[in-house]
Amino acid sequence: MTMTANPTTTSQPANPMAGQCPKVLLVDDDTSLLRLLSIRLTSEGYDIHAATSVEAALQQLSSQVFSAVLSDLRMPGQDGLYLLDYIANNLPTLPVILMSAHGSITEAVDATEKGALGFITKPIDHQKLRTVLNNAIAQTSSHPTHAWHRDIIFRSTVMQRLIEQTGLVAPRDVSILITGASGTGKELLAKAIHKASRRADKPFIAINCGALPEHLLESELFGHKKGAFSGAVREHPGLFRAAEGGTLFLDEIGDMPLPLQVKLLRVLQEKAIRPVGGVETIPVDVRVVSATHRDLPEAMKEETFREDLYYRLCVVNLRLPSLSERPEDIPILARHLLQQSAEKHGINATRFADDALLAMTQAQWQGNIRQLVNVVEQCVALTQTPVISLALVNQAMLQTTSHWPSLTEAKDEFERHYLNRVLKMTDGVVSKAAEISGRNRTDFYKLLKKHQFNVQDFKGTSRPEID
């Protein structure tokens, strides 16, 4: 059984969060107490949702985002400690306050050790409850204006929980690995982490590790001395030094070559860099946030990514969901992007037709937010009316089915095409193919494994190249 108490007065929220009433879940098998607490807290401005069992509470937790949970300790079936354990494991940023009619020091200590923010004995002292509850709400709204994640547009529960987790770890200066498919907004989340950290007034520097060859990437990261290599006509400080005191975002870290992984690991361990061509080490104070669309645990099994580096980079893993996992966010994202694009291009486009917005919500966005941005841009560029029609949206979605690839995806596609041609030219003879490619055989075999080529498939395929 579940009950929902809706506000019957217009009183101000007890602790407003960006103008919204704090949403609190009450859990107690005593329906009389539950109704009394609901009425009292609702009159004080809380948005109260109630459940008479842990099972009913879990259902609400799976579909809604709460600011705090107030639960009885002893109930038939699953009890308050079970609920506390569930929340600690699945919603670690959600504060829990436990109540008990048979309170004891032992129970209070046990609940606190398991992660409860407060412990209140019955009969309830309402002033004490108000104080503990206000403290709990304050914990979930330490950034009342939410300025640090203002650029991340969402309304979905899955994104709300990700933002809550991000807000918890961002100030703690640990290394964070952001995972998720291409186009989900990993750099945007990295910037939000930086804004919510103690390093927010220092530089945020980003680099795509898959966009540069190994020797150039090393120079970009660690710097180089004048004359360190051909073309090094002046000293270059490198991005670690440029990000001093701030955050260095290593995008597509899964594409970093193994030799450079070793050097990065040393920097993270020693908190010092050695520029290319230099002999001295230079201390650096930089927080590293990295991101990848690759399966790094699988890459570790294939020995293309170092396990020791993975655990240095991934103290906390934040996974960005794909757009298809958060369809309720598509309408507000589309409206936001429409407003941005129309203002940028000076075009009178005010909204999407209802059927056009529905079609966008139901579409499969293989390119995620990057593809959605492309569709909206096309619609704004081509519209002749303020309201964007379904036909225009369908046309734009059809043209972006093969979404514009990221630089890493384009590089992978080039490698596959190149390997296919060079293996055909050499009848699958790896030594010849490696020589033509300018790679040693070991590196060439790694490329073949990466792209799942079988050289036996190319025996006897040699033929003149005609372009």
Protein backbone atom coordinates (compact mmCIF):
# COMPACT_ATOMS: atom_id res chain seq x y z
CA MET A 1 0.00 0.00 0.00
CA THR A 2 1.30 3.50 -0.82
CA MET A 3 -0.03 6.89 0.11
CA THR A 4 0.82 10.31 -1.29
CA ALA A 5 0.26 13.51 0.62
CA ASN A 6 -0.02 16.58 -1.54
CA PRO A 7 0.49 20.09 -0.13
CA THR A 8 -2.75 21.74 0.95
CA THR A 9 -1.19 25.08 1.80
CA THR A 10 1.02 27.53 -0.02
CA SER A 11 3.64 27.73 2.71
CA GLN A 12 7.27 28.08 1.67
CA PRO A 13 9.45 24.94 1.49
CA ALA A 14 11.27 24.26 4.73
CA ASN A 15 14.52 24.21 2.80
CA PRO A 16 13.96 25.18 -0.83
CA MET A 17 16.05 23.53 -3.52
CA ALA A 18 16.11 25.74 -6.61
CA GLY A 19 12.52 26.76 -5.85
CA GLN A 20 11.20 23.20 -5.49
CA CYS A 21 9.67 21.55 -2.43
CA PRO A 22 12.07 18.94 -1.03
CA LYS A 23 10.62 15.51 -1.79
CA VAL A 24 10.67 13.17 1.23
CA LEU A 25 9.72 9.49 1.38
CA LEU A 26 8.06 8.39 4.68
CA VAL A 27 8.05 4.66 5.45
CA ASP A 28 6.11 3.23 8.41
CA ASP A 29 3.59 0.42 8.89
CA ASP A 30 1.69 2.58 11.41
CA THR A 31 -0.79 4.31 9.08
CA SER A 32 -1.98 6.72 11.80
CA LEU A 33 1.53 8.01 12.46
CA LEU A 34 2.24 8.09 8.76
CA ARG A 35 -0.82 10.26 8.11
CA LEU A 36 0.00 12.59 11.01
CA LEU A 37 3.63 13.09 9.90
CA SER A 38 2.52 13.57 6.30
CA ILE A 39 0.05 16.33 7.27
CA ARG A 40 2.56 18.12 9.51
CA LEU A 41 5.49 18.03 7.07
CA THR A 42 3.31 18.88 4.08
CA SER A 43 2.06 21.99 5.89
CA GLU A 44 5.70 23.02 6.34
CA GLY A 45 6.38 22.87 2.62
CA TYR A 46 7.73 19.34 2.09
CA ASP A 47 6.53 17.22 -0.84
CA ILE A 48 5.64 14.06 1.09
CA HIS A 49 5.27 10.57 -0.40
CA ALA A 50 4.41 7.72 1.96
CA ALA A 51 4.73 3.92 1.96
CA THR A 52 3.51 1.40 4.53
CA SER A 53 6.19 -1.20 3.80
CA VAL A 54 9.78 -1.46 2.58
CA GLU A 55 8.57 -3.21 -0.58
CA ALA A 56 6.30 -0.25 -1.41
CA ALA A 57 9.16 2.15 -0.63
CA LEU A 58 11.48 0.34 -3.04
CA GLN A 59 8.92 0.72 -5.81
CA GLN A 60 8.81 4.48 -5.27
CA LEU A 61 12.60 4.73 -5.07
CA SER A 62 12.90 3.00 -8.45
CA SER A 63 10.74 5.58 -10.22
CA GLN A 64 11.24 8.88 -8.36
CA VAL A 65 14.06 11.01 -6.99
CA PHE A 66 13.87 11.96 -3.30
CA SER A 67 15.76 14.45 -1.17
CA ALA A 68 15.57 12.28 1.98
CA VAL A 69 14.01 9.11 3.42
CA LEU A 70 12.41 8.93 6.89
CA SER A 71 11.77 5.30 7.84
CA ASP A 72 10.63 3.27 10.81
CA LEU A 73 13.27 0.83 12.02
CA ARG A 74 11.08 -2.14 12.92
CA MET A 75 8.39 -3.25 10.48
CA PRO A 76 6.88 -6.61 9.46
CA GLY A 77 8.86 -8.27 6.67
CA GLN A 78 11.85 -6.24 5.52
CA ASP A 79 12.83 -3.63 8.12
CA GLY A 80 14.41 -0.20 8.15
CA LEU A 81 17.97 -1.57 8.24
CA TYR A 82 17.26 -3.54 5.06
CA LEU A 83 16.04 -0.33 3.41
CA LEU A 84 19.11 1.50 4.71
CA ASP A 85 21.41 -1.16 3.20
CA TYR A 86 19.60 -0.97 -0.13
CA ILE A 87 19.91 2.82 -0.29
CA ALA A 88 23.58 2.74 0.77
CA ASN A 89 24.37 0.33 -2.08
CA ASN A 90 22.17 1.82 -4.79
CA LEU A 91 21.55 5.49 -3.90
CA PRO A 92 24.58 6.43 -1.80
CA THR A 93 23.88 10.18 -1.86
CA LEU A 94 20.33 9.83 -0.48
CA PRO A 95 20.14 10.69 3.27
CA VAL A 96 18.22 8.26 5.51
CA ILE A 97 16.76 9.01 8.94
CA LEU A 98 15.51 6.09 11.03
CA MET A 99 12.74 6.12 13.70
CA SER A 100 12.10 3.59 16.44
CA ALA A 101 9.63 3.22 19.30
CA HIS A 102 12.14 1.02 21.10
CA GLY A 103 15.22 3.18 20.62
CA SER A 104 18.47 2.18 22.24
CA ILE A 105 22.09 3.30 22.07
CA THR A 106 22.98 0.01 20.38
CA GLU A 107 20.38 0.48 17.66
CA ALA A 108 21.42 4.10 17.10
CA VAL A 109 25.11 3.17 16.79
CA ASP A 110 24.29 0.29 14.45
CA ALA A 111 22.15 2.52 12.23
CA THR A 112 24.80 5.24 12.13
CA GLU A 113 27.54 2.76 11.24
CA LYS A 114 25.39 1.51 8.36
CA GLY A 115 25.07 5.03 7.00
CA ALA A 116 21.96 6.54 8.61
CA LEU A 117 22.17 10.33 8.85
CA GLY A 118 19.95 10.47 11.95
CA PHE A 119 18.12 8.32 14.49
CA ILE A 120 14.92 9.49 16.21
CA THR A 121 12.97 7.77 18.97
CA LYS A 122 9.18 7.65 19.22
CA PRO A 123 7.07 9.44 20.28
CA ILE A 124 8.46 11.88 17.73
CA ASP A 125 9.83 15.19 18.96
CA HIS A 126 8.74 17.27 15.99
CA GLN A 127 11.30 20.03 16.58
CA LYS A 128 14.11 17.45 16.57
CA LEU A 129 12.65 15.81 13.46
CA ARG A 130 12.50 19.18 11.71
CA THR A 131 16.15 19.89 12.55
CA VAL A 132 17.42 16.48 11.42
CA LEU A 133 15.31 16.59 8.27
CA ASN A 134 16.49 20.10 7.38
CA ASN A 135 20.10 18.96 7.81
CA ALA A 136 19.45 16.01 5.52
CA ILE A 137 17.89 18.23 2.85
CA ALA A 138 20.81 20.67 3.11
CA GLN A 139 23.20 17.78 2.43
CA THR A 140 21.54 17.04 -0.91
CA SER A 141 21.43 20.69 -1.94
CA SER A 142 24.90 22.01 -1.12
CA HIS A 143 24.84 23.77 -4.52
CA PRO A 144 21.44 25.52 -4.24
CA THR A 145 21.65 27.21 -7.62
CA HIS A 146 23.00 24.05 -9.24
CA ALA A 147 25.34 26.32 -11.21
CA TRP A 148 27.92 23.57 -11.58
CA HIS A 149 25.62 21.38 -13.70
CA ARG A 150 23.52 24.14 -15.28
CA ASP A 151 24.64 23.11 -18.79
CA ILE A 152 23.44 19.51 -18.34
CA ILE A 153 19.77 19.41 -19.35
CA PHE A 154 17.67 16.60 -17.87
CA ARG A 155 14.55 15.58 -16.00
CA SER A 156 15.03 11.78 -15.95
CA THR A 157 15.57 9.79 -12.77
CA VAL A 158 18.68 8.09 -14.16
CA MET A 159 20.34 11.44 -14.86
CA GLN A 160 19.23 12.87 -11.51
CA ARG A 161 20.97 10.01 -9.72
CA LEU A 162 24.10 10.47 -11.84
CA ILE A 163 24.18 14.19 -10.99
CA GLU A 164 23.69 13.44 -7.30
CA GLN A 165 26.60 10.99 -7.37
CA THR A 166 28.71 13.48 -9.30
CA GLY A 167 27.95 16.21 -6.77
CA LEU A 168 29.13 13.88 -4.00
CA VAL A 169 32.49 12.92 -5.55
CA ALA A 170 33.38 16.12 -7.40
CA PRO A 171 34.67 18.02 -4.33
CA ARG A 172 36.72 15.04 -3.07
CA ASP A 173 39.60 15.37 -5.55
CA VAL A 174 39.68 11.69 -6.53
CA SER A 175 40.38 10.50 -10.07
CA ILE A 176 37.18 9.87 -12.03
CA LEU A 177 36.60 7.74 -15.13
CA ILE A 178 33.55 8.69 -17.20
CA THR A 179 32.23 5.90 -19.41
CA GLY A 180 29.49 5.89 -22.00
CA ALA A 181 28.83 5.68 -25.72
CA SER A 182 30.09 8.32 -28.11
CA GLY A 183 27.95 11.45 -28.15
CA THR A 184 26.55 11.12 -24.62
CA GLY A 185 28.27 14.28 -23.31
CA LYS A 186 31.32 13.01 -21.43
CA GLU A 187 33.28 16.26 -21.74
CA LEU A 188 30.25 18.24 -20.54
CA LEU A 189 30.11 16.09 -17.41
CA ALA A 190 33.87 16.50 -16.92
CA LYS A 191 33.45 20.29 -17.02
CA ALA A 192 30.64 20.03 -14.46
CA ILE A 193 32.93 17.98 -12.17
CA HIS A 194 35.55 20.71 -12.44
CA LYS A 195 32.99 23.45 -11.64
CA ALA A 196 31.81 21.54 -8.54
CA SER A 197 35.36 20.89 -7.31
CA ARG A 198 37.68 22.94 -5.14
CA ARG A 199 39.72 23.56 -8.29
CA ALA A 200 36.94 25.47 -10.07
CA ASP A 201 38.92 28.74 -10.18
CA LYS A 202 41.89 27.01 -11.87
CA PRO A 203 42.21 25.84 -15.53
CA PHE A 204 40.18 23.07 -17.14
CA ILE A 205 42.24 21.55 -19.98
CA ALA A 206 40.96 18.83 -22.34
CA ILE A 207 42.72 16.62 -24.89
CA ASN A 208 41.54 13.71 -27.06
CA CYS A 209 44.05 10.89 -26.58
CA GLY A 210 42.95 9.20 -29.80
CA ALA A 211 43.49 12.26 -32.00
CA LEU A 212 47.31 12.40 -31.99
CA PRO A 213 50.16 9.96 -32.75
CA GLU A 214 52.11 8.71 -29.75
CA HIS A 215 55.11 11.08 -29.96
CA LEU A 216 52.92 14.17 -30.42
CA LEU A 217 50.57 13.12 -27.61
CA GLU A 218 53.53 12.68 -25.25
CA SER A 219 54.81 16.14 -26.11
CA GLU A 220 51.34 17.67 -25.70
CA LEU A 221 50.86 16.10 -22.27
CA PHE A 222 54.31 16.41 -20.71
CA GLY A 223 55.91 19.17 -22.79
CA HIS A 224 59.29 19.13 -24.53
CA LYS A 225 62.61 20.89 -24.46
CA LYS A 226 63.89 22.98 -27.34
CA GLY A 227 65.64 20.69 -29.83
CA ALA A 228 64.14 17.52 -28.29
CA PHE A 229 63.14 16.39 -31.78
CA SER A 230 62.97 17.69 -35.32
CA GLY A 231 60.70 20.71 -35.35
CA ALA A 232 61.01 21.46 -31.62
CA VAL A 233 62.24 25.00 -32.18
CA ARG A 234 61.12 26.23 -28.77
CA GLU A 235 60.30 24.81 -25.35
CA HIS A 236 56.70 23.63 -24.82
CA PRO A 237 55.37 23.40 -21.23
CA GLY A 238 52.72 20.72 -21.93
CA LEU A 239 49.12 20.36 -20.78
CA PHE A 240 49.90 19.01 -17.30
CA ARG A 241 51.67 22.26 -16.49
CA ALA A 242 49.00 24.30 -18.26
CA ALA A 243 46.38 22.68 -16.00
CA GLU A 244 48.39 23.35 -12.81
CA GLY A 245 46.04 23.49 -9.83
CA GLY A 246 43.09 22.57 -12.02
CA THR A 247 41.68 19.63 -13.97
CA LEU A 248 43.11 17.74 -16.96
CA PHE A 249 40.48 15.88 -18.96
CA LEU A 250 41.87 12.91 -20.91
CA ASP A 251 39.16 12.04 -23.43
CA GLU A 252 39.23 8.61 -25.14
CA ILE A 253 41.86 7.36 -22.71
CA GLY A 254 41.27 3.85 -24.06
CA ASP A 255 43.05 4.88 -27.28
CA MET A 256 46.29 5.86 -25.53
CA PRO A 257 49.26 3.73 -26.77
CA LEU A 258 50.71 1.31 -24.21
CA PRO A 259 54.18 2.96 -23.97
CA LEU A 260 52.51 6.25 -23.11
CA GLN A 261 50.26 4.54 -20.56
CA VAL A 262 53.40 3.60 -18.62
CA LYS A 263 54.58 7.22 -18.59
CA LEU A 264 51.16 8.50 -17.55
CA LEU A 265 51.07 5.99 -14.69
CA ARG A 266 54.44 7.26 -13.46
CA VAL A 267 53.16 10.85 -13.51
CA LEU A 268 50.07 9.90 -11.50
CA GLN A 269 52.19 8.02 -8.96
CA GLU A 270 54.95 10.60 -8.58
CA LYS A 271 52.85 13.73 -9.23
CA ALA A 272 55.67 15.00 -11.43
CA ILE A 273 56.37 15.12 -15.16
CA ARG A 274 59.53 14.84 -17.26
CA PRO A 275 59.36 16.80 -20.53
CA VAL A 276 60.49 15.08 -23.71
CA GLY A 277 64.22 15.69 -24.07
CA GLY A 278 64.53 16.78 -20.45
CA VAL A 279 66.28 15.16 -17.49
CA GLU A 280 64.68 16.98 -14.57
CA THR A 281 61.26 16.22 -13.11
CA ILE A 282 58.74 19.00 -12.53
CA PRO A 283 56.12 18.67 -9.75
CA VAL A 284 52.50 19.10 -10.87
CA ASP A 285 49.26 19.46 -8.92
CA VAL A 286 46.54 18.33 -11.32
CA ARG A 287 43.33 16.36 -10.94
CA VAL A 288 42.85 13.86 -13.78
CA VAL A 289 39.37 13.10 -15.12
CA SER A 290 39.34 10.64 -18.01
CA ALA A 291 36.70 9.24 -20.35
CA THR A 292 36.24 6.44 -22.85
CA HIS A 293 33.57 4.73 -24.92
CA ARG A 294 35.64 1.51 -24.89
CA ASP A 295 35.26 -1.47 -22.55
CA LEU A 296 38.44 -1.03 -20.52
CA PRO A 297 38.07 -4.25 -18.46
CA GLU A 298 37.94 -6.13 -21.77
CA ALA A 299 40.94 -4.12 -23.03
CA MET A 300 42.84 -5.18 -19.91
CA LYS A 301 42.12 -8.84 -20.70
CA GLU A 302 43.45 -8.26 -24.22
CA GLU A 303 46.50 -6.49 -22.72
CA THR A 304 45.87 -3.30 -24.67
CA PHE A 305 45.23 -1.29 -21.49
CA ARG A 306 47.26 -1.47 -18.29
CA GLU A 307 45.45 -2.73 -15.22
CA ASP A 308 47.52 -0.60 -12.82
CA LEU A 309 46.70 2.54 -14.81
CA TYR A 310 43.00 1.64 -14.87
CA TYR A 311 42.80 1.53 -11.08
CA ARG A 312 44.69 4.83 -10.82
CA LEU A 313 42.25 6.52 -13.20
CA CYS A 314 39.06 4.82 -12.02
CA VAL A 315 38.78 5.56 -8.30
CA VAL A 316 35.17 6.41 -9.14
CA ASN A 317 33.37 5.40 -12.35
CA LEU A 318 30.52 7.61 -13.60
CA ARG A 319 28.53 6.03 -16.44
CA LEU A 320 26.63 8.34 -18.75
CA PRO A 321 23.46 6.70 -20.08
CA SER A 322 22.68 6.69 -23.78
CA LEU A 323 19.88 8.95 -25.00
CA SER A 324 17.62 5.91 -25.53
CA GLU A 325 17.95 5.18 -21.78
CA ARG A 326 16.58 8.62 -20.90
CA PRO A 327 13.77 9.29 -23.42
CA GLU A 328 11.97 11.64 -21.03
CA ASP A 329 14.90 14.04 -21.46
CA ILE A 330 14.52 14.29 -25.26
CA PRO A 331 11.70 16.91 -25.31
CA ILE A 332 13.46 19.34 -22.97
CA LEU A 333 16.80 18.76 -24.72
CA ALA A 334 15.21 19.38 -28.12
CA ARG A 335 13.53 22.60 -26.93
CA HIS A 336 16.76 23.83 -25.33
CA LEU A 337 18.79 23.08 -28.47
CA LEU A 338 16.14 24.72 -30.64
CA GLN A 339 16.28 27.92 -28.62
CA GLN A 340 20.10 27.94 -28.74
CA SER A 341 20.29 27.30 -32.48
CA ALA A 342 17.57 29.80 -33.37
CA GLU A 343 19.27 32.54 -31.35
CA LYS A 344 22.69 31.72 -32.82
CA HIS A 345 21.49 31.87 -36.42
CA GLY A 346 18.90 34.63 -35.95
CA ILE A 347 16.06 32.43 -37.20
CA ASN A 348 12.44 32.70 -36.03
CA ALA A 349 11.93 29.09 -34.92
CA THR A 350 10.00 28.87 -31.67
CA ARG A 351 8.93 25.26 -31.14
CA PHE A 352 8.43 21.77 -32.56
CA ALA A 353 4.99 20.60 -33.61
CA ASP A 354 3.57 18.10 -31.11
CA ASP A 355 3.79 15.15 -33.53
CA ALA A 356 7.36 16.14 -34.45
CA LEU A 357 8.37 16.15 -30.77
CA LEU A 358 6.68 12.77 -30.27
CA ALA A 359 8.60 11.33 -33.23
CA MET A 360 11.87 12.57 -31.75
CA THR A 361 11.04 11.01 -28.39
CA GLN A 362 10.34 7.63 -30.00
CA ALA A 363 13.37 7.62 -32.32
CA GLN A 364 16.49 5.50 -31.81
CA TRP A 365 19.37 7.94 -31.39
CA GLN A 366 22.42 5.90 -32.34
CA GLY A 367 24.55 9.05 -32.22
CA ASN A 368 23.06 10.11 -28.88
CA ILE A 369 23.04 13.83 -28.04
CA ARG A 370 25.54 14.60 -30.80
CA GLN A 371 23.03 13.28 -33.34
CA LEU A 372 20.14 15.15 -31.70
CA VAL A 373 22.11 18.40 -31.96
CA ASN A 374 22.66 17.71 -35.67
CA VAL A 375 18.95 17.08 -36.28
CA VAL A 376 17.89 20.26 -34.49
CA GLU A 377 20.51 22.31 -36.37
CA GLN A 378 19.22 20.96 -39.70
CA CYS A 379 15.62 21.72 -38.78
CA VAL A 380 16.46 25.29 -37.77
CA ALA A 381 18.47 25.83 -40.96
CA LEU A 382 15.68 24.57 -43.23
CA THR A 383 12.48 25.68 -41.53
CA GLN A 384 10.33 28.35 -43.19
CA THR A 385 7.87 28.65 -40.31
CA PRO A 386 8.21 29.28 -36.56
CA VAL A 387 6.82 25.80 -35.80
CA ILE A 388 9.06 22.94 -36.99
CA SER A 389 6.98 20.25 -38.68
CA LEU A 390 7.05 16.47 -38.45
CA ALA A 391 8.09 16.23 -42.11
CA LEU A 392 11.17 18.39 -41.49
CA VAL A 393 12.13 16.39 -38.41
CA ASN A 394 11.73 13.09 -40.27
CA GLN A 395 13.89 14.39 -43.12
CA ALA A 396 16.64 15.50 -40.72
CA MET A 397 16.55 12.21 -38.78
CA LEU A 398 16.75 10.22 -42.01
CA GLN A 399 19.82 12.16 -43.12
CA THR A 400 21.58 11.65 -39.79
CA THR A 401 20.88 7.93 -39.42
CA SER A 402 24.56 7.46 -40.09
CA HIS A 403 25.54 10.04 -37.54
CA TRP A 404 28.61 12.20 -37.94
CA PRO A 405 31.44 10.15 -36.44
CA SER A 406 33.70 11.29 -33.65
CA LEU A 407 37.39 11.67 -34.47
CA THR A 408 38.11 8.33 -32.81
CA GLU A 409 35.38 6.57 -34.81
CA ALA A 410 36.68 8.13 -38.04
CA LYS A 411 40.22 7.00 -37.19
CA ASP A 412 39.04 3.44 -36.52
CA GLU A 413 37.15 3.38 -39.82
CA PHE A 414 40.27 4.58 -41.68
CA GLU A 415 42.39 1.89 -39.97
CA ARG A 416 39.92 -0.85 -40.99
CA HIS A 417 39.86 0.36 -44.59
CA TYR A 418 43.67 0.68 -44.68
CA LEU A 419 44.26 -2.78 -43.22
CA ASN A 420 41.79 -4.32 -45.65
CA ARG A 421 43.62 -2.82 -48.66
CA VAL A 422 47.16 -3.55 -47.50
CA LEU A 423 46.32 -7.18 -46.67
CA LYS A 424 44.75 -7.64 -50.09
CA MET A 425 47.84 -6.13 -51.72
CA THR A 426 50.17 -8.54 -49.91
CA ASP A 427 48.03 -11.72 -50.06
CA GLY A 428 47.78 -11.64 -46.27
CA VAL A 429 51.56 -11.81 -45.73
CA VAL A 430 51.91 -9.94 -42.45
CA SER A 431 55.62 -9.14 -42.77
CA LYS A 432 55.06 -7.41 -46.11
CA ALA A 433 51.93 -5.64 -44.92
CA ALA A 434 53.70 -4.40 -41.79
CA GLU A 435 56.65 -3.14 -43.87
CA ILE A 436 54.38 -1.21 -46.23
CA SER A 437 52.51 0.22 -43.23
CA GLY A 438 55.68 1.37 -41.51
CA ARG A 439 54.91 -0.72 -38.42
CA ASN A 440 56.77 -3.56 -36.75
CA ARG A 441 55.08 -6.95 -36.84
CA THR A 442 54.06 -6.84 -33.16
CA ASP A 443 52.25 -3.52 -33.56
CA PHE A 444 50.69 -4.70 -36.82
CA TYR A 445 49.34 -7.86 -35.19
CA LYS A 446 47.82 -5.69 -32.43
CA LEU A 447 46.02 -3.66 -35.09
CA LEU A 448 44.74 -6.84 -36.73
CA LYS A 449 43.47 -8.09 -33.36
CA LYS A 450 41.88 -4.74 -32.56
CA HIS A 451 39.86 -4.80 -35.79
CA GLN A 452 39.32 -8.59 -35.77
CA PHE A 453 41.06 -9.31 -39.10
CA ASN A 454 41.97 -12.90 -40.01
CA VAL A 455 44.95 -12.92 -42.40
CA GLN A 456 43.83 -16.29 -43.82
CA ASP A 457 40.87 -14.51 -45.39
CA PHE A 458 43.27 -12.53 -47.59
CA LYS A 459 45.36 -15.36 -49.04
CA GLY A 460 45.27 -15.19 -52.82
CA THR A 461 43.43 -11.86 -52.96
CA SER A 462 46.28 -9.78 -54.43
CA ARG A 463 45.33 -7.73 -57.46
CA PRO A 464 46.47 -4.45 -59.02
CA GLU A 465 45.24 -1.35 -57.24
CA ILE A 466 43.10 0.73 -59.62
CA ASP A 467 41.88 4.13 -58.42
